[in-house]
Amino acid sequence: MKPDQPLRFAIFGNIYQPKKSMAIQKILAFLSERGAKVYMEEAYHRFLTDDQQITVHADDVFSGSQFEADYVISMGGDGTFLSAASRVARKCTPIIGVNMGRLGFLASIAPDTVEEALRDIFDGCYRIDELRTIQVEADGQLLGHSPYALNDIAVLKRDNASMISIRAYVGGEYLVTYQADGLVVSTPTGSTAYSLSNGGPIIVPQAGVLCLTPVAPHSLNVRPLVIPDDAEISLTVESRSHQFLVAIDGRSEKCAEGTVLSIRKTDFPVRVVKRHDHTYFHTLRDKMMWGRSYIERI
């Protein structure tokens, strides 16, 4: 982008939070005052204009990943952020996460500070954190329309009764056959999500590792395993239903028994805009209440 050209912002948003949609008006007004170009994702634009009756002045409306911008703004919780990250993928456009949800571990900018955050961006007073992503292939082909994950890729059973058998290889070497409800392969970013709820460790974003965390394993001898992130993970699944699910940051794909899954690090990061006063350990203490005693919480 040339210095004399206006900044371009592509906006994604949660369409299931009608009571929290008003913050977008502050953002649009601020961007208009600064002469920025605003591109809005189609479903979110329709939600604001038709459902919420909000006047939206957008320079363009796009669908899917059909946009070119200098920054992406995600209006929602961490789920909305992950969805926006999947649309950005190889574009590597920096993402500004405005937290309209509950936790806001990824989307860390509060609605009441969004104007300050945008002012910092126009002033060049911010940093970019680069977060690792992983991808999944099924029988040698990228799986689904969006095979890239910032948090995790989970192999899960489809039915409610029987566990599945997951035969796992790391770097071509046989590891173990998991008898479990599933297996979560998480990045450091995803270590505080589904993996953590299944007993996985918290991993700082800069660590060059992945974590394999079983979901409700049949054996107590099977524990989460941390491996180098340059290792390729190969999985095959046996299931009574002869099918299983692969959840890519929560986006589910059905696979048939016998499919060979390959999970590896991608060659591109997700780039996240952070204010200088926001650090990972501060977020960990604030959002996850990490290290706090019960007395401190009340």
Protein backbone atom coordinates (compact mmCIF):
# COMPACT_ATOMS: atom_id res chain seq x y z
CA MET A 1 0.00 0.00 0.00
CA LYS A 2 1.29 3.45 -0.91
CA PRO A 3 1.52 6.07 1.87
CA ASP A 4 -1.08 8.34 0.24
CA GLN A 5 -3.67 5.58 0.00
CA PRO A 6 -6.34 5.11 2.71
CA LEU A 7 -6.14 2.13 5.01
CA ARG A 8 -8.51 -0.73 4.13
CA PHE A 9 -10.42 -2.69 6.78
CA ALA A 10 -12.36 -5.92 6.21
CA ILE A 11 -14.93 -6.51 8.95
CA PHE A 12 -16.32 -9.86 10.14
CA GLY A 13 -18.87 -10.18 12.91
CA ASN A 14 -21.02 -12.47 15.02
CA ILE A 15 -24.62 -12.52 13.74
CA TYR A 16 -25.96 -14.14 16.92
CA GLN A 17 -25.34 -11.25 19.32
CA PRO A 18 -28.02 -8.63 18.61
CA LYS A 19 -27.58 -6.85 21.95
CA LYS A 20 -23.86 -6.41 21.34
CA SER A 21 -23.89 -5.05 17.80
CA MET A 22 -23.89 -1.34 18.66
CA ALA A 23 -20.10 -1.13 19.06
CA ILE A 24 -19.81 -1.45 15.28
CA GLN A 25 -21.28 2.04 14.92
CA LYS A 26 -18.36 3.50 16.88
CA ILE A 27 -15.92 1.66 14.66
CA LEU A 28 -17.59 2.73 11.43
CA ALA A 29 -17.78 6.35 12.56
CA PHE A 30 -14.10 6.36 13.56
CA LEU A 31 -12.98 4.78 10.28
CA SER A 32 -15.11 7.21 8.30
CA GLU A 33 -13.50 10.18 10.09
CA ARG A 34 -10.06 8.82 9.20
CA GLY A 35 -11.01 8.31 5.54
CA ALA A 36 -10.50 4.55 5.69
CA LYS A 37 -12.00 2.09 3.23
CA VAL A 38 -14.48 -0.35 4.82
CA TYR A 39 -15.29 -3.76 3.38
CA MET A 40 -17.86 -5.90 5.20
CA GLU A 41 -18.53 -9.62 5.11
CA GLU A 42 -21.90 -10.29 3.45
CA ALA A 43 -23.69 -12.17 6.24
CA TYR A 44 -22.63 -9.63 8.88
CA HIS A 45 -23.66 -6.72 6.63
CA ARG A 46 -27.08 -8.30 6.11
CA PHE A 47 -27.45 -8.88 9.86
CA LEU A 48 -26.68 -5.24 10.68
CA THR A 49 -28.81 -3.66 7.96
CA ASP A 50 -31.80 -6.03 7.84
CA ASP A 51 -32.05 -7.46 11.35
CA GLN A 52 -30.65 -4.60 13.42
CA GLN A 53 -31.75 -1.73 11.16
CA ILE A 54 -28.32 -0.10 11.45
CA THR A 55 -27.18 2.23 8.71
CA VAL A 56 -23.90 0.86 7.40
CA HIS A 57 -21.68 2.81 5.02
CA ALA A 58 -19.41 0.19 3.48
CA ASP A 59 -17.29 0.65 0.39
CA ASP A 60 -17.88 -2.96 -0.58
CA VAL A 61 -19.57 -6.16 0.61
CA PHE A 62 -17.75 -9.47 0.10
CA SER A 63 -18.32 -13.17 0.68
CA GLY A 64 -15.90 -15.86 1.81
CA SER A 65 -12.30 -14.82 1.37
CA GLN A 66 -12.92 -12.48 -1.55
CA PHE A 67 -11.35 -9.38 -0.04
CA GLU A 68 -8.07 -7.48 -0.02
CA ALA A 69 -7.42 -5.36 3.04
CA ASP A 70 -4.68 -3.98 5.24
CA TYR A 71 -6.41 -5.14 8.44
CA VAL A 72 -9.25 -7.43 9.42
CA ILE A 73 -11.58 -6.53 12.29
CA SER A 74 -13.29 -9.44 14.06
CA MET A 75 -16.41 -8.38 15.99
CA GLY A 76 -17.34 -11.19 18.37
CA GLY A 77 -15.77 -13.74 20.66
CA ASP A 78 -12.97 -16.20 20.10
CA GLY A 79 -15.19 -18.29 17.79
CA THR A 80 -15.68 -15.32 15.48
CA PHE A 81 -11.94 -14.66 15.60
CA LEU A 82 -11.17 -18.24 14.57
CA SER A 83 -13.69 -17.99 11.73
CA ALA A 84 -12.09 -14.76 10.51
CA ALA A 85 -8.63 -16.35 10.77
CA SER A 86 -9.77 -19.23 8.57
CA ARG A 87 -10.95 -16.74 5.93
CA VAL A 88 -7.66 -14.83 6.07
CA ALA A 89 -5.47 -17.97 5.85
CA ARG A 90 -2.55 -17.35 3.44
CA LYS A 91 -3.36 -13.66 3.03
CA CYS A 92 -1.67 -13.14 6.44
CA THR A 93 -3.70 -9.95 6.96
CA PRO A 94 -3.31 -8.70 10.56
CA ILE A 95 -6.46 -9.34 12.62
CA ILE A 96 -7.87 -6.94 15.20
CA GLY A 97 -10.00 -8.94 17.65
CA VAL A 98 -12.79 -6.96 19.34
CA ASN A 99 -14.23 -9.04 22.17
CA MET A 100 -18.05 -9.09 22.10
CA GLY A 101 -18.20 -12.52 23.75
CA ARG A 102 -17.43 -13.91 27.20
CA LEU A 103 -13.79 -14.98 27.42
CA GLY A 104 -11.97 -13.04 24.73
CA PHE A 105 -8.63 -14.84 24.93
CA LEU A 106 -7.90 -14.28 21.24
CA ALA A 107 -10.21 -11.32 20.71
CA SER A 108 -8.63 -9.24 23.44
CA ILE A 109 -9.73 -5.66 22.68
CA ALA A 110 -12.71 -4.55 24.79
CA PRO A 111 -15.53 -2.64 23.01
CA ASP A 112 -15.03 0.42 25.22
CA THR A 113 -11.37 0.69 24.18
CA VAL A 114 -11.76 -0.05 20.47
CA GLU A 115 -11.41 3.61 19.43
CA GLU A 116 -8.15 3.87 21.37
CA ALA A 117 -6.93 0.67 19.71
CA LEU A 118 -7.80 1.95 16.24
CA ARG A 119 -6.10 5.26 17.00
CA ASP A 120 -2.96 3.33 17.94
CA ILE A 121 -3.11 1.50 14.61
CA PHE A 122 -3.33 4.71 12.61
CA ASP A 123 -0.44 6.08 14.70
CA GLY A 124 1.60 2.92 14.20
CA CYS A 125 1.69 2.24 17.94
CA TYR A 126 1.07 -1.50 18.16
CA ARG A 127 2.77 -4.84 17.68
CA ILE A 128 2.01 -7.91 15.57
CA ASP A 129 2.06 -11.36 17.17
CA GLU A 130 2.59 -14.21 14.71
CA LEU A 131 0.83 -17.41 15.75
CA ARG A 132 1.48 -20.85 14.28
CA THR A 133 -1.20 -22.69 12.34
CA ILE A 134 -1.61 -26.35 11.39
CA GLN A 135 -3.34 -28.09 8.50
CA VAL A 136 -4.93 -31.48 7.90
CA GLU A 137 -4.91 -33.67 4.81
CA ALA A 138 -7.12 -36.70 4.16
CA ASP A 139 -5.53 -39.30 1.89
CA GLY A 140 -3.09 -36.69 0.60
CA GLN A 141 -5.65 -33.94 -0.12
CA LEU A 142 -6.37 -30.88 2.00
CA LEU A 143 -9.54 -31.60 3.96
CA GLY A 144 -12.61 -29.44 3.37
CA HIS A 145 -12.88 -25.84 2.26
CA SER A 146 -10.88 -24.55 5.23
CA PRO A 147 -8.25 -27.10 6.33
CA TYR A 148 -6.20 -24.67 8.45
CA ALA A 149 -6.46 -24.33 12.24
CA LEU A 150 -5.11 -21.74 14.63
CA ASN A 151 -6.26 -23.58 17.77
CA ASP A 152 -6.60 -27.28 17.13
CA ILE A 153 -7.58 -30.19 14.93
CA ALA A 154 -9.62 -32.83 16.76
CA VAL A 155 -10.49 -36.37 15.66
CA LEU A 156 -13.77 -37.33 17.33
CA LYS A 157 -16.30 -40.14 17.42
CA ARG A 158 -19.67 -39.60 15.68
CA ASP A 159 -21.95 -41.66 17.93
CA ASN A 160 -22.67 -41.25 21.62
CA ALA A 161 -21.89 -44.78 22.80
CA SER A 162 -18.66 -46.30 21.51
CA MET A 163 -15.13 -44.97 21.69
CA ILE A 164 -12.89 -45.01 18.62
CA SER A 165 -9.43 -46.42 18.01
CA ILE A 166 -6.90 -43.90 16.70
CA ARG A 167 -3.59 -45.32 15.48
CA ALA A 168 -1.01 -42.52 15.71
CA TYR A 169 2.40 -42.05 14.08
CA VAL A 170 4.77 -39.14 14.73
CA GLY A 171 7.47 -38.48 12.15
CA GLY A 172 6.76 -41.85 10.57
CA GLU A 173 7.28 -43.77 13.83
CA TYR A 174 4.41 -45.61 15.51
CA LEU A 175 3.39 -43.87 18.74
CA VAL A 176 0.32 -45.57 20.24
CA THR A 177 -3.25 -46.58 19.46
CA TYR A 178 -5.58 -44.34 21.43
CA GLN A 179 -8.80 -45.96 22.70
CA ALA A 180 -10.76 -42.82 23.42
CA ASP A 181 -13.60 -40.50 22.47
CA GLY A 182 -11.12 -38.56 20.38
CA LEU A 183 -7.73 -36.92 20.06
CA VAL A 184 -6.89 -33.21 20.02
CA VAL A 185 -3.82 -31.93 18.17
CA SER A 186 -3.33 -28.38 19.41
CA THR A 187 -1.00 -25.51 18.68
CA PRO A 188 0.42 -23.43 21.56
CA THR A 189 -2.42 -20.96 20.92
CA GLY A 190 -4.98 -23.76 21.20
CA SER A 191 -3.44 -25.15 24.38
CA THR A 192 -5.82 -22.99 26.43
CA ALA A 193 -8.89 -24.23 24.54
CA TYR A 194 -10.22 -27.79 23.98
CA SER A 195 -6.89 -29.39 24.88
CA LEU A 196 -6.84 -27.69 28.28
CA SER A 197 -10.37 -28.88 29.08
CA ASN A 198 -9.13 -32.44 28.50
CA GLY A 199 -6.14 -32.09 30.80
CA GLY A 200 -3.56 -30.75 28.36
CA PRO A 201 -0.81 -28.31 29.40
CA ILE A 202 -0.76 -24.55 28.86
CA ILE A 203 1.92 -23.74 26.27
CA VAL A 204 3.25 -20.24 25.57
CA PRO A 205 2.69 -19.07 21.96
CA GLN A 206 6.41 -18.82 21.15
CA ALA A 207 7.08 -22.51 21.86
CA GLY A 208 7.80 -24.53 18.72
CA VAL A 209 5.67 -27.51 19.73
CA LEU A 210 2.34 -29.26 19.23
CA CYS A 211 0.39 -31.19 21.83
CA LEU A 212 -1.53 -34.48 21.43
CA THR A 213 -4.28 -34.68 24.04
CA PRO A 214 -6.66 -37.67 24.19
CA VAL A 215 -10.36 -37.07 24.88
CA ALA A 216 -11.68 -39.38 27.62
CA PRO A 217 -9.05 -42.09 27.07
CA HIS A 218 -9.88 -45.65 28.10
CA SER A 219 -6.45 -46.09 29.72
CA LEU A 220 -5.16 -43.96 32.57
CA ASN A 221 -1.63 -44.60 31.30
CA VAL A 222 -2.21 -42.38 28.25
CA ARG A 223 -1.35 -38.75 28.92
CA PRO A 224 -0.96 -35.59 26.79
CA LEU A 225 2.24 -35.58 24.74
CA VAL A 226 4.21 -32.53 23.55
CA ILE A 227 6.18 -32.96 20.30
CA PRO A 228 8.24 -30.66 18.02
CA ASP A 229 6.03 -28.75 15.60
CA ASP A 230 8.10 -29.80 12.59
CA ALA A 231 6.98 -33.42 13.04
CA GLU A 232 4.19 -34.78 10.84
CA ILE A 233 1.38 -36.61 12.63
CA SER A 234 -0.39 -39.47 10.81
CA LEU A 235 -3.66 -40.93 12.10
CA THR A 236 -6.00 -43.74 11.07
CA VAL A 237 -9.29 -44.42 12.80
CA GLU A 238 -11.44 -47.46 13.47
CA SER A 239 -15.05 -46.89 14.51
CA ARG A 240 -18.18 -48.99 14.98
CA SER A 241 -20.09 -46.50 12.84
CA HIS A 242 -17.29 -46.70 10.20
CA GLN A 243 -17.18 -42.91 10.21
CA PHE A 244 -15.67 -40.21 12.39
CA LEU A 245 -15.44 -36.43 12.60
CA VAL A 246 -12.51 -34.10 12.11
CA ALA A 247 -13.06 -30.73 13.82
CA ILE A 248 -10.83 -27.96 12.46
CA ASP A 249 -11.11 -25.11 14.95
CA GLY A 250 -14.66 -26.37 15.49
CA ARG A 251 -15.57 -26.73 11.80
CA SER A 252 -16.59 -30.37 11.36
CA GLU A 253 -15.82 -32.64 8.42
CA LYS A 254 -17.01 -36.24 8.11
CA CYS A 255 -14.47 -38.91 7.21
CA ALA A 256 -14.78 -42.61 6.46
CA GLU A 257 -13.00 -45.27 8.46
CA GLY A 258 -9.65 -46.07 6.90
CA THR A 259 -8.92 -42.49 5.83
CA VAL A 260 -5.31 -41.54 6.47
CA LEU A 261 -5.05 -38.15 8.14
CA SER A 262 -1.85 -36.11 8.03
CA ILE A 263 -1.47 -33.12 10.33
CA ARG A 264 1.49 -30.75 10.05
CA LYS A 265 2.52 -27.15 10.58
CA THR A 266 1.67 -24.73 7.76
CA ASP A 267 4.16 -22.38 6.14
CA PHE A 268 2.25 -19.25 7.20
CA PRO A 269 1.16 -17.71 10.54
CA VAL A 270 -1.95 -15.90 11.71
CA ARG A 271 -0.93 -12.32 12.43
CA VAL A 272 -2.72 -10.70 15.38
CA VAL A 273 -2.70 -7.00 16.26
CA LYS A 274 -1.89 -6.43 19.93
CA ARG A 275 -1.68 -3.25 21.95
CA HIS A 276 1.67 -2.74 23.67
CA ASP A 277 0.16 -3.08 27.16
CA HIS A 278 -1.34 -6.52 26.37
CA THR A 279 0.96 -9.46 27.08
CA TYR A 280 0.30 -13.21 27.05
CA PHE A 281 0.89 -13.68 30.77
CA HIS A 282 -1.34 -10.72 31.61
CA THR A 283 -4.10 -12.26 29.46
CA LEU A 284 -3.54 -15.65 31.10
CA ARG A 285 -3.98 -14.19 34.57
CA ASP A 286 -6.87 -11.93 33.60
CA LYS A 287 -8.95 -14.19 31.33
CA MET A 288 -8.11 -17.65 32.70
CA MET A 289 -7.66 -16.50 36.34
CA TRP A 290 -4.42 -18.51 36.18
CA GLY A 291 -2.59 -18.70 39.50
CA ARG A 292 -5.39 -17.03 41.46
CA SER A 293 -6.73 -18.49 44.67
CA TYR A 294 -10.45 -18.93 45.37
CA ILE A 295 -10.33 -16.06 47.89
CA GLU A 296 -8.87 -13.69 45.26
CA ARG A 297 -11.64 -14.60 42.76
CA ILE A 298 -14.41 -13.68 45.20
